């Protein structure tokens, strides 16, 4: 029973990483959408 901290830290880190990934994906979707709108404006 030396280090119970490492396991809980791993769980916390994976939750944090998942959250960051979701955030990043959402931001990328926004960028893709705005680029598509820009392309439409330029092509019209």
Foldseek 3Di string as FASTA:
>chain_A
DPDPPVVVVVVVVVVVVVVVVVVVVVVVVVVVVVVVVVVVVVVD
